[in-house]
Amino acid sequence: MKYLNFKVMKKDFVLLVFLIGIGCEQHPEDHVQFLNGYWEIEKVILSNGEEHTYTYNEYVDYFKISDSLTGFRKKLKPSLKGTFETSKDSELFVLKTENDSLNIYYKTNFSNWKETILSLTENRLKIINHQKNIYFYKPYTPITIN
């Protein structure tokens, strides 16, 4: 009975995982379409490690992106009727892929800033801002009362 050389197998396994990882490398711009729509904050982890969980949100964030990777973000207040209250204020932005990260560059009449999308799927959005606060979002689902 031959014994397996576990050191060789371990090296082969690590190499295989590495090669699979390279082959499955994500391109952040491939996920941009998931950003369109209504998102609500689930929790925030502040840069000091403090965590805030949100069970109810008075406002939701609405993102709208064009084919040119420009768009706007707007705060909306949902009503029980299924509509939204809004102001005329919105934050214009440009999406840019830089160093394998998807960055959002905002511009308003008052300020300019950048946020980085850490992960984005149709069910989750994770953003970090310049203060190193991490925001976790889920898609907004209206409250229905029967």
Protein backbone atom coordinates (compact mmCIF):
# COMPACT_ATOMS: atom_id res chain seq x y z
CA MET A 1 0.00 0.00 0.00
CA LYS A 2 1.44 3.33 -1.03
CA TYR A 3 1.23 6.33 1.24
CA LEU A 4 0.20 9.68 -0.17
CA ASN A 5 2.63 12.53 0.12
CA PHE A 6 0.44 15.12 1.85
CA LYS A 7 2.97 17.95 1.42
CA VAL A 8 2.86 17.55 -2.37
CA MET A 9 -0.94 17.28 -2.32
CA LYS A 10 -1.20 20.40 -0.15
CA LYS A 11 0.97 22.41 -2.57
CA ASP A 12 -1.08 21.14 -5.53
CA PHE A 13 -4.31 22.08 -3.76
CA VAL A 14 -3.08 25.61 -2.98
CA LEU A 15 -1.98 26.06 -6.60
CA LEU A 16 -5.35 24.83 -7.87
CA VAL A 17 -7.27 27.23 -5.60
CA PHE A 18 -5.02 30.09 -6.72
CA LEU A 19 -5.60 29.33 -10.42
CA ILE A 20 -9.35 29.06 -9.92
CA GLY A 21 -9.28 32.39 -8.11
CA ILE A 22 -7.49 34.06 -11.01
CA GLY A 23 -9.94 32.59 -13.49
CA CYS A 24 -12.92 33.79 -11.46
CA GLU A 25 -11.61 37.30 -10.86
CA GLN A 26 -14.56 39.66 -10.71
CA HIS A 27 -14.77 42.79 -12.78
CA PRO A 28 -16.59 45.41 -10.69
CA GLU A 29 -18.16 47.08 -13.72
CA ASP A 30 -20.01 43.81 -14.49
CA HIS A 31 -22.21 44.41 -11.45
CA VAL A 32 -23.21 48.03 -12.12
CA GLN A 33 -26.72 47.09 -13.26
CA PHE A 34 -27.51 45.87 -9.74
CA LEU A 35 -27.04 49.37 -8.31
CA ASN A 36 -30.11 50.74 -10.12
CA GLY A 37 -33.11 50.93 -7.84
CA TYR A 38 -34.19 51.39 -4.25
CA TRP A 39 -31.87 50.48 -1.36
CA GLU A 40 -32.28 50.72 2.41
CA ILE A 41 -29.59 50.63 5.06
CA GLU A 42 -29.41 47.47 7.20
CA LYS A 43 -26.42 48.47 9.30
CA VAL A 44 -23.39 50.72 9.52
CA ILE A 45 -20.02 49.82 10.98
CA LEU A 46 -18.20 52.99 11.97
CA SER A 47 -14.45 53.32 11.59
CA ASN A 48 -14.06 52.90 15.37
CA GLY A 49 -15.80 49.47 15.17
CA GLU A 50 -19.11 50.66 16.59
CA GLU A 51 -22.06 49.01 14.83
CA HIS A 52 -25.54 50.44 14.27
CA THR A 53 -28.36 48.18 13.05
CA TYR A 54 -31.46 49.64 11.41
CA THR A 55 -34.77 47.79 11.70
CA TYR A 56 -36.73 50.68 10.18
CA ASN A 57 -35.66 53.37 7.72
CA GLU A 58 -37.57 56.60 7.26
CA TYR A 59 -35.73 57.15 3.96
CA VAL A 60 -34.43 54.92 1.18
CA ASP A 61 -31.73 55.65 -1.37
CA TYR A 62 -32.67 55.57 -5.05
CA PHE A 63 -29.86 55.08 -7.58
CA LYS A 64 -30.33 55.65 -11.30
CA ILE A 65 -27.46 54.94 -13.70
CA SER A 66 -27.21 55.62 -17.43
CA ASP A 67 -25.21 53.64 -19.98
CA SER A 68 -22.38 56.16 -19.67
CA LEU A 69 -21.83 55.21 -15.99
CA THR A 70 -23.22 58.53 -14.81
CA GLY A 71 -26.27 58.87 -12.65
CA PHE A 72 -27.87 60.29 -9.57
CA ARG A 73 -28.72 59.28 -6.01
CA LYS A 74 -31.79 60.58 -4.27
CA LYS A 75 -33.25 60.16 -0.77
CA LEU A 76 -36.91 59.16 -0.86
CA LYS A 77 -39.45 58.84 1.93
CA PRO A 78 -41.82 55.91 1.34
CA SER A 79 -45.49 56.32 2.18
CA LEU A 80 -47.99 53.65 3.18
CA LYS A 81 -49.77 54.27 -0.14
CA GLY A 82 -46.81 52.82 -2.04
CA THR A 83 -45.60 56.20 -3.30
CA PHE A 84 -42.59 58.30 -2.31
CA GLU A 85 -42.14 61.82 -1.03
CA THR A 86 -39.07 63.49 -2.45
CA SER A 87 -37.32 66.79 -2.73
CA LYS A 88 -35.69 68.23 -5.82
CA ASP A 89 -32.27 67.52 -4.32
CA SER A 90 -30.17 64.76 -5.83
CA GLU A 91 -26.50 63.86 -5.89
CA LEU A 92 -25.00 63.46 -9.35
CA PHE A 93 -22.26 60.88 -9.68
CA VAL A 94 -19.86 59.15 -12.03
CA LEU A 95 -18.84 55.51 -11.61
CA LYS A 96 -15.19 54.65 -12.27
CA THR A 97 -13.30 51.38 -12.03
CA GLU A 98 -9.90 52.00 -10.46
CA ASN A 99 -7.48 49.37 -9.13
CA ASP A 100 -10.15 46.65 -9.31
CA SER A 101 -12.56 48.80 -7.27
CA LEU A 102 -15.79 50.45 -8.32
CA ASN A 103 -15.80 54.03 -7.06
CA ILE A 104 -18.65 56.53 -6.97
CA TYR A 105 -17.61 60.15 -7.45
CA TYR A 106 -20.35 62.50 -6.26
CA LYS A 107 -20.73 66.15 -7.13
CA THR A 108 -23.23 68.65 -5.75
CA ASN A 109 -23.32 72.43 -5.62
CA PHE A 110 -21.85 72.20 -2.12
CA SER A 111 -19.35 69.36 -2.14
CA ASN A 112 -17.49 66.58 -3.98
CA TRP A 113 -16.67 63.18 -2.45
CA LYS A 114 -15.92 59.57 -3.24
CA GLU A 115 -17.31 56.28 -1.98
CA THR A 116 -16.10 52.79 -2.89
CA ILE A 117 -18.42 49.87 -3.53
CA LEU A 118 -16.96 46.91 -1.65
CA SER A 119 -19.55 44.43 -2.91
CA LEU A 120 -22.64 44.58 -5.09
CA THR A 121 -25.16 41.91 -6.01
CA GLU A 122 -28.87 42.10 -6.71
CA ASN A 123 -29.50 41.46 -2.98
CA ARG A 124 -26.65 43.27 -1.21
CA LEU A 125 -24.71 46.51 -1.43
CA LYS A 126 -21.72 47.36 0.74
CA ILE A 127 -20.13 50.83 0.50
CA ILE A 128 -17.23 52.44 2.37
CA ASN A 129 -16.88 56.20 2.56
CA HIS A 130 -13.85 58.47 3.07
CA GLN A 131 -14.32 58.27 6.85
CA LYS A 132 -13.94 54.45 6.61
CA ASN A 133 -17.57 53.89 7.70
CA ILE A 134 -19.05 50.81 6.01
CA TYR A 135 -22.71 50.85 4.97
CA PHE A 136 -24.65 47.63 4.37
CA TYR A 137 -27.76 47.92 2.19
CA LYS A 138 -30.53 45.59 1.10
CA PRO A 139 -33.10 46.18 -1.64
CA TYR A 140 -36.06 48.18 -0.41
CA THR A 141 -39.33 46.30 -0.14
CA PRO A 142 -42.47 48.35 0.51
CA ILE A 143 -44.43 47.75 3.67
CA THR A 144 -47.86 46.41 2.81
CA ILE A 145 -50.75 46.64 5.23
CA ASN A 146 -53.79 44.49 4.51
